[in-house]
PDB file of N, CA and C in Angstrom:
ATOM      1  N   GLN A   1     -43.721   1.595 -10.005  1.00  0.00           N
ATOM      2  CA  GLN A   1     -43.072   1.097  -9.008  1.00  0.00           C
ATOM      3  C   GLN A   1     -41.828   0.894  -9.350  1.00  0.00           C
ATOM      4  N   VAL A   2     -41.144   1.326  -8.058  1.00  0.00           N
ATOM      5  CA  VAL A   2     -39.873   1.669  -7.752  1.00  0.00           C
ATOM      6  C   VAL A   2     -39.665  -0.328  -7.305  1.00  0.00           C
ATOM      7  N   HIS A   3     -38.485  -0.510  -8.555  1.00  0.00           N
ATOM      8  CA  HIS A   3     -38.026  -1.936  -8.109  1.00  0.00           C
ATOM      9  C   HIS A   3     -36.819  -1.658  -8.041  1.00  0.00           C
ATOM     10  N   LEU A   4     -35.824  -2.294  -7.221  1.00  0.00           N
ATOM     11  CA  LEU A   4     -34.361  -2.943  -7.029  1.00  0.00           C
ATOM     12  C   LEU A   4     -34.255  -3.997  -7.270  1.00  0.00           C
ATOM     13  N   VAL A   5     -33.071  -4.728  -7.810  1.00  0.00           N
ATOM     14  CA  VAL A   5     -32.525  -5.832  -8.248  1.00  0.00           C
ATOM     15  C   VAL A   5     -31.180  -6.222  -8.386  1.00  0.00           C
ATOM     16  N   GLU A   6     -30.811  -6.718  -7.017  1.00  0.00           N
ATOM     17  CA  GLU A   6     -29.699  -7.389  -6.737  1.00  0.00           C
ATOM     18  C   GLU A   6     -29.088  -8.540  -7.686  1.00  0.00           C
ATOM     19  N   SER A   7     -27.934  -8.649  -7.468  1.00  0.00           N
ATOM     20  CA  SER A   7     -27.278  -9.855  -8.392  1.00  0.00           C
ATOM     21  C   SER A   7     -25.529  -9.698  -8.087  1.00  0.00           C
ATOM     22  N   GLY A   8     -24.960 -10.513  -8.039  1.00  0.00           N
ATOM     23  CA  GLY A   8     -23.437 -10.839  -8.071  1.00  0.00           C
ATOM     24  C   GLY A   8     -22.980 -11.542  -6.949  1.00  0.00           C
ATOM     25  N   GLY A   9     -23.977 -11.762  -5.944  1.00  0.00           N
ATOM     26  CA  GLY A   9     -23.267 -12.579  -5.120  1.00  0.00           C
ATOM     27  C   GLY A   9     -22.769 -13.721  -5.361  1.00  0.00           C
ATOM     28  N   GLY A  10     -22.352 -14.428  -3.949  1.00  0.00           N
ATOM     29  CA  GLY A  10     -21.572 -16.206  -4.089  1.00  0.00           C
ATOM     30  C   GLY A  10     -20.797 -16.445  -3.081  1.00  0.00           C
ATOM     31  N   LEU A  11     -20.363 -17.286  -3.420  1.00  0.00           N
ATOM     32  CA  LEU A  11     -19.252 -18.012  -2.512  1.00  0.00           C
ATOM     33  C   LEU A  11     -17.889 -17.780  -3.138  1.00  0.00           C
ATOM     34  N   VAL A  12     -17.273 -17.166  -2.385  1.00  0.00           N
ATOM     35  CA  VAL A  12     -15.778 -16.465  -2.410  1.00  0.00           C
ATOM     36  C   VAL A  12     -14.882 -17.007  -1.287  1.00  0.00           C
ATOM     37  N   GLN A  13     -13.873 -17.164  -1.838  1.00  0.00           N
ATOM     38  CA  GLN A  13     -12.509 -17.743  -0.650  1.00  0.00           C
ATOM     39  C   GLN A  13     -12.077 -16.003   0.154  1.00  0.00           C
ATOM     40  N   PRO A  14     -11.743 -16.491   1.230  1.00  0.00           N
ATOM     41  CA  PRO A  14     -11.127 -15.085   1.711  1.00  0.00           C
ATOM     42  C   PRO A  14     -10.227 -14.761   0.651  1.00  0.00           C
ATOM     43  N   GLY A  15      -9.777 -13.407   0.540  1.00  0.00           N
ATOM     44  CA  GLY A  15      -8.950 -12.955   0.226  1.00  0.00           C
ATOM     45  C   GLY A  15      -9.332 -12.339  -1.528  1.00  0.00           C
ATOM     46  N   GLY A  16     -10.102 -12.504  -1.835  1.00  0.00           N
ATOM     47  CA  GLY A  16     -11.016 -12.637  -3.102  1.00  0.00           C
ATOM     48  C   GLY A  16     -11.840 -11.598  -3.307  1.00  0.00           C
ATOM     49  N   SER A  17     -12.301 -11.368  -4.599  1.00  0.00           N
ATOM     50  CA  SER A  17     -13.528 -10.395  -5.117  1.00  0.00           C
ATOM     51  C   SER A  17     -14.463 -10.848  -5.748  1.00  0.00           C
ATOM     52  N   LEU A  18     -16.111  -9.873  -5.562  1.00  0.00           N
ATOM     53  CA  LEU A  18     -16.522  -9.889  -6.242  1.00  0.00           C
ATOM     54  C   LEU A  18     -17.422  -8.624  -6.160  1.00  0.00           C
ATOM     55  N   ARG A  19     -18.024  -8.363  -7.750  1.00  0.00           N
ATOM     56  CA  ARG A  19     -18.655  -6.889  -7.887  1.00  0.00           C
ATOM     57  C   ARG A  19     -20.322  -7.565  -7.693  1.00  0.00           C
ATOM     58  N   LEU A  20     -20.964  -6.800  -7.104  1.00  0.00           N
ATOM     59  CA  LEU A  20     -22.431  -6.442  -6.759  1.00  0.00           C
ATOM     60  C   LEU A  20     -23.274  -5.265  -7.816  1.00  0.00           C
ATOM     61  N   SER A  21     -24.090  -5.806  -8.300  1.00  0.00           N
ATOM     62  CA  SER A  21     -25.159  -5.034  -8.813  1.00  0.00           C
ATOM     63  C   SER A  21     -26.320  -5.220  -8.266  1.00  0.00           C
ATOM     64  N   CYS A  22     -27.005  -3.639  -8.983  1.00  0.00           N
ATOM     65  CA  CYS A  22     -27.997  -3.497  -8.726  1.00  0.00           C
ATOM     66  C   CYS A  22     -29.066  -2.301  -9.911  1.00  0.00           C
ATOM     67  N   VAL A  23     -29.643  -3.265 -10.753  1.00  0.00           N
ATOM     68  CA  VAL A  23     -30.338  -2.671 -11.264  1.00  0.00           C
ATOM     69  C   VAL A  23     -31.616  -1.576 -10.879  1.00  0.00           C
ATOM     70  N   ALA A  24     -32.014  -0.345 -11.288  1.00  0.00           N
ATOM     71  CA  ALA A  24     -32.997   0.141 -10.802  1.00  0.00           C
ATOM     72  C   ALA A  24     -34.051   0.445 -11.691  1.00  0.00           C
ATOM     73  N   SER A  25     -35.046   0.577 -11.527  1.00  0.00           N
ATOM     74  CA  SER A  25     -36.784   1.077 -12.258  1.00  0.00           C
ATOM     75  C   SER A  25     -37.397   1.736 -11.320  1.00  0.00           C
ATOM     76  N   GLY A  26     -38.326   2.736 -12.185  1.00  0.00           N
ATOM     77  CA  GLY A  26     -39.279   3.170 -11.434  1.00  0.00           C
ATOM     78  C   GLY A  26     -39.234   4.429 -10.689  1.00  0.00           C
ATOM     79  N   PHE A  27     -38.347   5.384 -10.836  1.00  0.00           N
ATOM     80  CA  PHE A  27     -37.919   6.774 -11.001  1.00  0.00           C
ATOM     81  C   PHE A  27     -36.330   6.865 -11.474  1.00  0.00           C
ATOM     82  N   THR A  28     -36.261   8.577 -11.396  1.00  0.00           N
ATOM     83  CA  THR A  28     -35.450   9.204 -12.320  1.00  0.00           C
ATOM     84  C   THR A  28     -33.496   8.660 -11.424  1.00  0.00           C
ATOM     85  N   PHE A  29     -33.138   7.504 -11.724  1.00  0.00           N
ATOM     86  CA  PHE A  29     -31.817   6.977 -11.239  1.00  0.00           C
ATOM     87  C   PHE A  29     -30.973   7.924 -10.844  1.00  0.00           C
ATOM     88  N   ASN A  30     -30.646   9.333 -11.450  1.00  0.00           N
ATOM     89  CA  ASN A  30     -29.211   9.830 -11.671  1.00  0.00           C
ATOM     90  C   ASN A  30     -29.771  10.725 -10.424  1.00  0.00           C
ATOM     91  N   SER A  31     -31.196  10.732  -9.987  1.00  0.00           N
ATOM     92  CA  SER A  31     -31.311  12.130  -8.915  1.00  0.00           C
ATOM     93  C   SER A  31     -31.269  11.872  -7.376  1.00  0.00           C
ATOM     94  N   TYR A  32     -31.300  10.255  -7.056  1.00  0.00           N
ATOM     95  CA  TYR A  32     -31.163  10.189  -5.724  1.00  0.00           C
ATOM     96  C   TYR A  32     -29.855   9.453  -5.196  1.00  0.00           C
ATOM     97  N   ALA A  33     -29.222   9.662  -4.086  1.00  0.00           N
ATOM     98  CA  ALA A  33     -28.326   8.738  -3.366  1.00  0.00           C
ATOM     99  C   ALA A  33     -28.549   7.084  -3.527  1.00  0.00           C
ATOM    100  N   MET A  34     -28.246   6.152  -4.091  1.00  0.00           N
ATOM    101  CA  MET A  34     -27.905   4.591  -3.545  1.00  0.00           C
ATOM    102  C   MET A  34     -26.957   4.379  -2.824  1.00  0.00           C
ATOM    103  N   SER A  35     -27.445   3.480  -2.233  1.00  0.00           N
ATOM    104  CA  SER A  35     -26.770   2.659  -0.961  1.00  0.00           C
ATOM    105  C   SER A  35     -27.104   1.047  -1.089  1.00  0.00           C
ATOM    106  N   TRP A  36     -25.730   0.677  -0.308  1.00  0.00           N
ATOM    107  CA  TRP A  36     -25.537  -0.843  -0.206  1.00  0.00           C
ATOM    108  C   TRP A  36     -25.501  -1.212   1.059  1.00  0.00           C
ATOM    109  N   TYR A  37     -26.487  -1.692   1.761  1.00  0.00           N
ATOM    110  CA  TYR A  37     -26.419  -2.383   2.564  1.00  0.00           C
ATOM    111  C   TYR A  37     -26.214  -3.639   3.076  1.00  0.00           C
ATOM    112  N   ARG A  38     -25.591  -4.579   4.237  1.00  0.00           N
ATOM    113  CA  ARG A  38     -25.746  -5.393   4.399  1.00  0.00           C
ATOM    114  C   ARG A  38     -25.943  -6.278   5.707  1.00  0.00           C
ATOM    115  N   GLN A  39     -26.653  -7.236   5.700  1.00  0.00           N
ATOM    116  CA  GLN A  39     -26.929  -7.756   7.045  1.00  0.00           C
ATOM    117  C   GLN A  39     -26.700  -9.280   7.650  1.00  0.00           C
ATOM    118  N   ALA A  40     -26.135  -9.476   8.447  1.00  0.00           N
ATOM    119  CA  ALA A  40     -25.046 -10.927   8.911  1.00  0.00           C
ATOM    120  C   ALA A  40     -25.858 -11.571   9.577  1.00  0.00           C
ATOM    121  N   PRO A  41     -26.198 -12.871   9.802  1.00  0.00           N
ATOM    122  CA  PRO A  41     -26.691 -13.810  10.748  1.00  0.00           C
ATOM    123  C   PRO A  41     -26.750 -12.854  12.075  1.00  0.00           C
ATOM    124  N   GLY A  42     -27.914 -12.772  12.739  1.00  0.00           N
ATOM    125  CA  GLY A  42     -28.146 -12.192  14.251  1.00  0.00           C
ATOM    126  C   GLY A  42     -27.300 -10.589  14.094  1.00  0.00           C
ATOM    127  N   LYS A  43     -26.931 -10.035  13.611  1.00  0.00           N
ATOM    128  CA  LYS A  43     -26.793  -8.440  13.233  1.00  0.00           C
ATOM    129  C   LYS A  43     -27.783  -7.917  12.865  1.00  0.00           C
ATOM    130  N   GLU A  44     -27.683  -6.739  12.804  1.00  0.00           N
ATOM    131  CA  GLU A  44     -28.311  -5.398  12.313  1.00  0.00           C
ATOM    132  C   GLU A  44     -27.959  -5.066  10.972  1.00  0.00           C
ATOM    133  N   ARG A  45     -28.962  -4.562   9.912  1.00  0.00           N
ATOM    134  CA  ARG A  45     -28.470  -4.420   8.929  1.00  0.00           C
ATOM    135  C   ARG A  45     -27.487  -3.137   9.267  1.00  0.00           C
ATOM    136  N   GLU A  46     -26.447  -3.213   8.015  1.00  0.00           N
ATOM    137  CA  GLU A  46     -25.605  -1.912   8.272  1.00  0.00           C
ATOM    138  C   GLU A  46     -25.119  -1.148   7.332  1.00  0.00           C
ATOM    139  N   LEU A  47     -25.463   0.393   7.068  1.00  0.00           N
ATOM    140  CA  LEU A  47     -24.926   0.962   5.620  1.00  0.00           C
ATOM    141  C   LEU A  47     -23.090   0.253   5.544  1.00  0.00           C
ATOM    142  N   VAL A  48     -23.090  -0.170   4.043  1.00  0.00           N
ATOM    143  CA  VAL A  48     -21.784  -0.387   4.079  1.00  0.00           C
ATOM    144  C   VAL A  48     -21.138   1.174   2.657  1.00  0.00           C
ATOM    145  N   ALA A  49     -21.974   1.361   2.078  1.00  0.00           N
ATOM    146  CA  ALA A  49     -21.420   2.295   1.012  1.00  0.00           C
ATOM    147  C   ALA A  49     -22.953   3.476   0.546  1.00  0.00           C
ATOM    148  N   SER A  50     -22.369   4.123   0.069  1.00  0.00           N
ATOM    149  CA  SER A  50     -23.364   4.994  -1.105  1.00  0.00           C
ATOM    150  C   SER A  50     -23.156   5.676  -1.897  1.00  0.00           C
ATOM    151  N   PHE A  51     -23.502   6.361  -2.744  1.00  0.00           N
ATOM    152  CA  PHE A  51     -22.828   6.923  -3.553  1.00  0.00           C
ATOM    153  C   PHE A  51     -24.334   8.267  -4.109  1.00  0.00           C
ATOM    154  N   THR A  52     -24.318   9.000  -4.266  1.00  0.00           N
ATOM    155  CA  THR A  52     -24.702  10.451  -5.121  1.00  0.00           C
ATOM    156  C   THR A  52     -24.058  10.512  -6.275  1.00  0.00           C
ATOM    157  N   ASN A  53     -25.343  10.351  -7.274  1.00  0.00           N
ATOM    158  CA  ASN A  53     -25.233  10.484  -8.570  1.00  0.00           C
ATOM    159  C   ASN A  53     -24.524  11.944  -9.241  1.00  0.00           C
ATOM    160  N   ASN A  54     -25.734  13.137  -8.671  1.00  0.00           N
ATOM    161  CA  ASN A  54     -25.124  14.554  -9.346  1.00  0.00           C
ATOM    162  C   ASN A  54     -24.103  14.776  -8.606  1.00  0.00           C
ATOM    163  N   SER A  55     -23.656  14.408  -7.208  1.00  0.00           N
ATOM    164  CA  SER A  55     -21.971  15.231  -7.293  1.00  0.00           C
ATOM    165  C   SER A  55     -21.406  14.164  -6.992  1.00  0.00           C
ATOM    166  N   GLY A  56     -21.453  13.082  -7.278  1.00  0.00           N
ATOM    167  CA  GLY A  56     -20.436  11.600  -7.436  1.00  0.00           C
ATOM    168  C   GLY A  56     -19.445  11.568  -6.427  1.00  0.00           C
ATOM    169  N   SER A  57     -20.705  12.056  -4.930  1.00  0.00           N
ATOM    170  CA  SER A  57     -19.982  11.595  -3.525  1.00  0.00           C
ATOM    171  C   SER A  57     -19.929  10.041  -3.072  1.00  0.00           C
ATOM    172  N   ARG A  58     -19.092   9.955  -2.383  1.00  0.00           N
ATOM    173  CA  ARG A  58     -19.135   8.515  -2.215  1.00  0.00           C
ATOM    174  C   ARG A  58     -18.786   8.351  -0.788  1.00  0.00           C
ATOM    175  N   VAL A  59     -19.718   7.736  -0.070  1.00  0.00           N
ATOM    176  CA  VAL A  59     -19.783   7.538   1.414  1.00  0.00           C
ATOM    177  C   VAL A  59     -19.398   5.982   1.652  1.00  0.00           C
ATOM    178  N   TYR A  60     -18.318   5.476   2.738  1.00  0.00           N
ATOM    179  CA  TYR A  60     -17.457   4.229   3.144  1.00  0.00           C
ATOM    180  C   TYR A  60     -18.146   4.026   4.278  1.00  0.00           C
ATOM    181  N   SER A  61     -18.422   2.550   5.182  1.00  0.00           N
ATOM    182  CA  SER A  61     -18.173   2.321   6.506  1.00  0.00           C
ATOM    183  C   SER A  61     -16.992   1.749   6.500  1.00  0.00           C
ATOM    184  N   ASP A  62     -16.514   2.098   7.896  1.00  0.00           N
ATOM    185  CA  ASP A  62     -14.631   1.697   8.335  1.00  0.00           C
ATOM    186  C   ASP A  62     -14.624   0.031   7.919  1.00  0.00           C
ATOM    187  N   SER A  63     -15.458  -0.722   8.149  1.00  0.00           N
ATOM    188  CA  SER A  63     -15.357  -1.994   7.912  1.00  0.00           C
ATOM    189  C   SER A  63     -15.095  -2.305   6.373  1.00  0.00           C
ATOM    190  N   VAL A  64     -15.391  -1.167   5.165  1.00  0.00           N
ATOM    191  CA  VAL A  64     -14.896  -1.451   3.516  1.00  0.00           C
ATOM    192  C   VAL A  64     -14.242  -0.818   3.193  1.00  0.00           C
ATOM    193  N   LYS A  65     -14.102   0.822   3.723  1.00  0.00           N
ATOM    194  CA  LYS A  65     -12.872   1.772   3.471  1.00  0.00           C
ATOM    195  C   LYS A  65     -11.851   1.007   3.130  1.00  0.00           C
ATOM    196  N   GLY A  66     -11.187   1.552   1.416  1.00  0.00           N
ATOM    197  CA  GLY A  66      -9.861   1.018   1.125  1.00  0.00           C
ATOM    198  C   GLY A  66     -10.012  -0.409   0.915  1.00  0.00           C
ATOM    199  N   ARG A  67     -11.226  -1.134   0.467  1.00  0.00           N
ATOM    200  CA  ARG A  67     -11.221  -2.566   0.185  1.00  0.00           C
ATOM    201  C   ARG A  67     -12.641  -2.555  -0.572  1.00  0.00           C
ATOM    202  N   SER A  68     -13.546  -1.482  -0.748  1.00  0.00           N
ATOM    203  CA  SER A  68     -14.207  -1.532  -1.886  1.00  0.00           C
ATOM    204  C   SER A  68     -14.739  -0.302  -2.462  1.00  0.00           C
ATOM    205  N   THR A  69     -15.669  -0.252  -3.830  1.00  0.00           N
ATOM    206  CA  THR A  69     -15.767   0.838  -4.400  1.00  0.00           C
ATOM    207  C   THR A  69     -17.163   1.008  -5.444  1.00  0.00           C
ATOM    208  N   ILE A  70     -17.764   1.980  -4.765  1.00  0.00           N
ATOM    209  CA  ILE A  70     -19.088   2.092  -5.106  1.00  0.00           C
ATOM    210  C   ILE A  70     -18.976   3.200  -6.307  1.00  0.00           C
ATOM    211  N   SER A  71     -20.070   2.925  -7.226  1.00  0.00           N
ATOM    212  CA  SER A  71     -20.312   3.341  -8.158  1.00  0.00           C
ATOM    213  C   SER A  71     -21.033   3.180  -9.080  1.00  0.00           C
ATOM    214  N   GLY A  72     -22.043   4.020 -10.184  1.00  0.00           N
ATOM    215  CA  GLY A  72     -22.577   4.114 -10.837  1.00  0.00           C
ATOM    216  C   GLY A  72     -23.405   4.306 -11.881  1.00  0.00           C
ATOM    217  N   ASP A  73     -23.834   3.525 -12.958  1.00  0.00           N
ATOM    218  CA  ASP A  73     -23.701   3.953 -14.324  1.00  0.00           C
ATOM    219  C   ASP A  73     -25.269   4.474 -14.593  1.00  0.00           C
ATOM    220  N   ASN A  74     -25.522   6.018 -15.107  1.00  0.00           N
ATOM    221  CA  ASN A  74     -26.716   6.295 -14.921  1.00  0.00           C
ATOM    222  C   ASN A  74     -27.378   5.660 -16.573  1.00  0.00           C
ATOM    223  N   ALA A  75     -26.801   5.178 -17.487  1.00  0.00           N
ATOM    224  CA  ALA A  75     -27.338   4.477 -18.646  1.00  0.00           C
ATOM    225  C   ALA A  75     -27.886   3.353 -18.718  1.00  0.00           C
ATOM    226  N   LYS A  76     -27.200   2.882 -17.743  1.00  0.00           N
ATOM    227  CA  LYS A  76     -28.086   1.097 -16.839  1.00  0.00           C
ATOM    228  C   LYS A  76     -28.959   1.320 -15.882  1.00  0.00           C
ATOM    229  N   ASN A  77     -28.834   2.857 -15.216  1.00  0.00           N
ATOM    230  CA  ASN A  77     -29.689   2.620 -14.020  1.00  0.00           C
ATOM    231  C   ASN A  77     -28.923   1.731 -12.873  1.00  0.00           C
ATOM    232  N   ALA A  78     -27.817   1.329 -12.912  1.00  0.00           N
ATOM    233  CA  ALA A  78     -27.507   1.116 -12.390  1.00  0.00           C
ATOM    234  C   ALA A  78     -26.023   1.146 -11.117  1.00  0.00           C
ATOM    235  N   VAL A  79     -25.791   0.610  -9.777  1.00  0.00           N
ATOM    236  CA  VAL A  79     -25.165   0.697  -9.247  1.00  0.00           C
ATOM    237  C   VAL A  79     -24.407  -0.567  -8.833  1.00  0.00           C
ATOM    238  N   TYR A  80     -23.299  -0.349  -8.575  1.00  0.00           N
ATOM    239  CA  TYR A  80     -22.224  -1.689  -8.640  1.00  0.00           C
ATOM    240  C   TYR A  80     -21.872  -1.280  -7.155  1.00  0.00           C
ATOM    241  N   LEU A  81     -21.157  -2.901  -6.704  1.00  0.00           N
ATOM    242  CA  LEU A  81     -20.107  -2.653  -5.350  1.00  0.00           C
ATOM    243  C   LEU A  81     -19.070  -3.882  -5.770  1.00  0.00           C
ATOM    244  N   GLN A  82     -18.358  -3.366  -5.785  1.00  0.00           N
ATOM    245  CA  GLN A  82     -16.673  -3.507  -6.067  1.00  0.00           C
ATOM    246  C   GLN A  82     -15.568  -3.910  -5.079  1.00  0.00           C
ATOM    247  N   MET A  83     -16.053  -5.591  -4.079  1.00  0.00           N
ATOM    248  CA  MET A  83     -15.418  -5.879  -3.046  1.00  0.00           C
ATOM    249  C   MET A  83     -14.249  -6.576  -3.174  1.00  0.00           C
ATOM    250  N   ASN A  84     -13.276  -6.013  -2.383  1.00  0.00           N
ATOM    251  CA  ASN A  84     -11.819  -6.808  -3.231  1.00  0.00           C
ATOM    252  C   ASN A  84     -11.162  -7.070  -1.311  1.00  0.00           C
ATOM    253  N   SER A  85     -10.322  -7.895  -1.481  1.00  0.00           N
ATOM    254  CA  SER A  85      -9.756  -8.710  -0.445  1.00  0.00           C
ATOM    255  C   SER A  85     -10.927  -8.857   0.688  1.00  0.00           C
ATOM    256  N   LEU A  86     -12.085  -9.926   0.169  1.00  0.00           N
ATOM    257  CA  LEU A  86     -13.066 -10.385   1.185  1.00  0.00           C
ATOM    258  C   LEU A  86     -12.357 -11.016   2.019  1.00  0.00           C
ATOM    259  N   ARG A  87     -13.194 -10.660   3.098  1.00  0.00           N
ATOM    260  CA  ARG A  87     -12.952 -11.081   4.798  1.00  0.00           C
ATOM    261  C   ARG A  87     -14.327 -12.200   5.063  1.00  0.00           C
ATOM    262  N   ASP A  88     -13.946 -13.118   5.914  1.00  0.00           N
ATOM    263  CA  ASP A  88     -14.958 -14.073   6.630  1.00  0.00           C
ATOM    264  C   ASP A  88     -16.038 -12.787   7.127  1.00  0.00           C
ATOM    265  N   GLU A  89     -16.199 -11.933   7.766  1.00  0.00           N
ATOM    266  CA  GLU A  89     -16.753 -11.007   7.957  1.00  0.00           C
ATOM    267  C   GLU A  89     -17.536 -10.181   7.356  1.00  0.00           C
ATOM    268  N   ASP A  90     -17.313 -10.004   5.789  1.00  0.00           N
ATOM    269  CA  ASP A  90     -18.253 -10.152   5.068  1.00  0.00           C
ATOM    270  C   ASP A  90     -19.019 -10.049   4.716  1.00  0.00           C
ATOM    271  N   THR A  91     -19.208 -11.969   5.271  1.00  0.00           N
ATOM    272  CA  THR A  91     -20.085 -12.350   4.779  1.00  0.00           C
ATOM    273  C   THR A  91     -21.779 -12.155   5.605  1.00  0.00           C
ATOM    274  N   ALA A  92     -22.176 -11.940   4.533  1.00  0.00           N
ATOM    275  CA  ALA A  92     -24.176 -11.093   4.773  1.00  0.00           C
ATOM    276  C   ALA A  92     -24.676 -11.207   3.488  1.00  0.00           C
ATOM    277  N   VAL A  93     -25.961 -10.777   3.790  1.00  0.00           N
ATOM    278  CA  VAL A  93     -26.578 -10.683   2.667  1.00  0.00           C
ATOM    279  C   VAL A  93     -26.883  -8.862   2.275  1.00  0.00           C
ATOM    280  N   TYR A  94     -26.502  -8.823   1.169  1.00  0.00           N
ATOM    281  CA  TYR A  94     -26.334  -7.500   0.737  1.00  0.00           C
ATOM    282  C   TYR A  94     -27.590  -7.133  -0.026  1.00  0.00           C
ATOM    283  N   TYR A  95     -27.965  -5.933   0.499  1.00  0.00           N
ATOM    284  CA  TYR A  95     -28.757  -4.915  -0.204  1.00  0.00           C
ATOM    285  C   TYR A  95     -28.537  -3.612  -0.452  1.00  0.00           C
ATOM    286  N   CYS A  96     -29.765  -3.288  -1.879  1.00  0.00           N
ATOM    287  CA  CYS A  96     -29.125  -2.499  -2.418  1.00  0.00           C
ATOM    288  C   CYS A  96     -30.683  -1.608  -1.934  1.00  0.00           C
ATOM    289  N   LYS A  97     -30.451  -0.176  -1.834  1.00  0.00           N
ATOM    290  CA  LYS A  97     -31.469   0.747  -1.235  1.00  0.00           C
ATOM    291  C   LYS A  97     -31.515   2.440  -1.583  1.00  0.00           C
ATOM    292  N   VAL A  98     -33.026   2.578  -2.027  1.00  0.00           N
ATOM    293  CA  VAL A  98     -32.650   4.010  -2.559  1.00  0.00           C
ATOM    294  C   VAL A  98     -33.557   4.798  -1.324  1.00  0.00           C
ATOM    295  N   VAL A  99     -34.114   5.814  -1.102  1.00  0.00           N
ATOM    296  CA  VAL A  99     -35.148   6.623  -0.832  1.00  0.00           C
ATOM    297  C   VAL A  99     -36.024   7.354  -1.304  1.00  0.00           C
ATOM    298  N   LEU A 100     -36.891   7.504  -1.389  1.00  0.00           N
ATOM    299  CA  LEU A 100     -38.002   8.531  -2.228  1.00  0.00           C
ATOM    300  C   LEU A 100     -38.593   9.071  -1.504  1.00  0.00           C
ATOM    301  N   TRP A 101     -39.286  10.785  -1.943  1.00  0.00           N
ATOM    302  CA  TRP A 101     -39.964  10.867  -1.425  1.00  0.00           C
ATOM    303  C   TRP A 101     -40.261  10.469   0.165  1.00  0.00           C
ATOM    304  N   GLY A 102     -39.464  10.034   0.920  1.00  0.00           N
ATOM    305  CA  GLY A 102     -39.108  10.007   2.394  1.00  0.00           C
ATOM    306  C   GLY A 102     -38.981   8.482   2.789  1.00  0.00           C
ATOM    307  N   ARG A 103     -39.364   8.027   1.777  1.00  0.00           N
ATOM    308  CA  ARG A 103     -39.931   6.080   1.451  1.00  0.00           C
ATOM    309  C   ARG A 103     -38.448   5.566   1.579  1.00  0.00           C
ATOM    310  N   ALA A 104     -38.335   4.577   2.053  1.00  0.00           N
ATOM    311  CA  ALA A 104     -37.067   3.693   1.563  1.00  0.00           C
ATOM    312  C   ALA A 104     -37.651   2.240   0.982  1.00  0.00           C
ATOM    313  N   TYR A 105     -36.986   2.057   0.034  1.00  0.00           N
ATOM    314  CA  TYR A 105     -37.263   0.867  -1.060  1.00  0.00           C
ATOM    315  C   TYR A 105     -35.845   0.074  -0.875  1.00  0.00           C
ATOM    316  N   TRP A 106     -35.914  -1.006  -1.013  1.00  0.00           N
ATOM    317  CA  TRP A 106     -35.105  -2.251  -0.782  1.00  0.00           C
ATOM    318  C   TRP A 106     -35.423  -3.095  -2.050  1.00  0.00           C
ATOM    319  N   GLY A 107     -34.113  -3.751  -2.285  1.00  0.00           N
ATOM    320  CA  GLY A 107     -33.676  -5.120  -3.348  1.00  0.00           C
ATOM    321  C   GLY A 107     -34.255  -6.287  -2.405  1.00  0.00           C
ATOM    322  N   GLN A 108     -34.207  -6.980  -2.489  1.00  0.00           N
ATOM    323  CA  GLN A 108     -34.364  -8.721  -2.283  1.00  0.00           C
ATOM    324  C   GLN A 108     -32.909  -9.167  -1.317  1.00  0.00           C
ATOM    325  N   GLY A 109     -31.958  -8.652  -1.797  1.00  0.00           N
ATOM    326  CA  GLY A 109     -30.476  -8.920  -1.497  1.00  0.00           C
ATOM    327  C   GLY A 109     -29.968  -9.928  -2.610  1.00  0.00           C
ATOM    328  N   THR A 110     -28.645  -9.967  -2.005  1.00  0.00           N
ATOM    329  CA  THR A 110     -27.859 -11.067  -2.222  1.00  0.00           C
ATOM    330  C   THR A 110     -26.822 -11.649  -1.045  1.00  0.00           C
ATOM    331  N   GLN A 111     -27.006 -12.690  -1.615  1.00  0.00           N
ATOM    332  CA  GLN A 111     -25.862 -13.539  -0.410  1.00  0.00           C
ATOM    333  C   GLN A 111     -24.369 -13.368  -1.176  1.00  0.00           C
ATOM    334  N   VAL A 112     -23.640 -13.138  -0.138  1.00  0.00           N
ATOM    335  CA  VAL A 112     -22.292 -13.249   0.182  1.00  0.00           C
ATOM    336  C   VAL A 112     -21.153 -14.340   0.931  1.00  0.00           C
ATOM    337  N   THR A 113     -21.072 -14.931   1.024  1.00  0.00           N
ATOM    338  CA  THR A 113     -20.580 -16.161   1.630  1.00  0.00           C
ATOM    339  C   THR A 113     -18.976 -15.828   1.359  1.00  0.00           C
ATOM    340  N   VAL A 114     -18.220 -15.898   2.339  1.00  0.00           N
ATOM    341  CA  VAL A 114     -16.191 -15.670   2.485  1.00  0.00           C
ATOM    342  C   VAL A 114     -16.065 -16.948   3.031  1.00  0.00           C
ATOM    343  N   SER A 115     -15.223 -17.687   2.322  1.00  0.00           N
ATOM    344  CA  SER A 115     -14.809 -19.263   3.382  1.00  0.00           C
ATOM    345  C   SER A 115     -14.129 -19.581   2.789  1.00  0.00           C
ATOM    346  N   SER A 116     -13.208 -20.668   3.224  1.00  0.00           N
ATOM    347  CA  SER A 116     -12.401 -21.220   2.347  1.00  0.00           C
ATOM    348  C   SER A 116     -12.891 -22.954   2.649  1.00  0.00           C
TER     349      SER A 116
END
């Protein structure tokens, strides 16, 4: 059974940093691309970053490019999102996602609130 568990969210002041973690189980972690999405109140869920273990390829949305880094740890079956220089508009619930055999699996999400 596929499980994705996010953690690391919280309240942070503008300009601060957070490191989100997503621990995966139930599939061969290093064979699939892992992604981070976010959903702000009243907005659609959007892709933040994606990481492909096999190739090391990374993709970032324009909204976080240059401020965030996605990385993976095969030994821990984990993917991380380091976010720096956080802004008010980064406030959202952040979700981890993997697509297996044409089906999307999501974690429960972790809340990130950027506020002074």
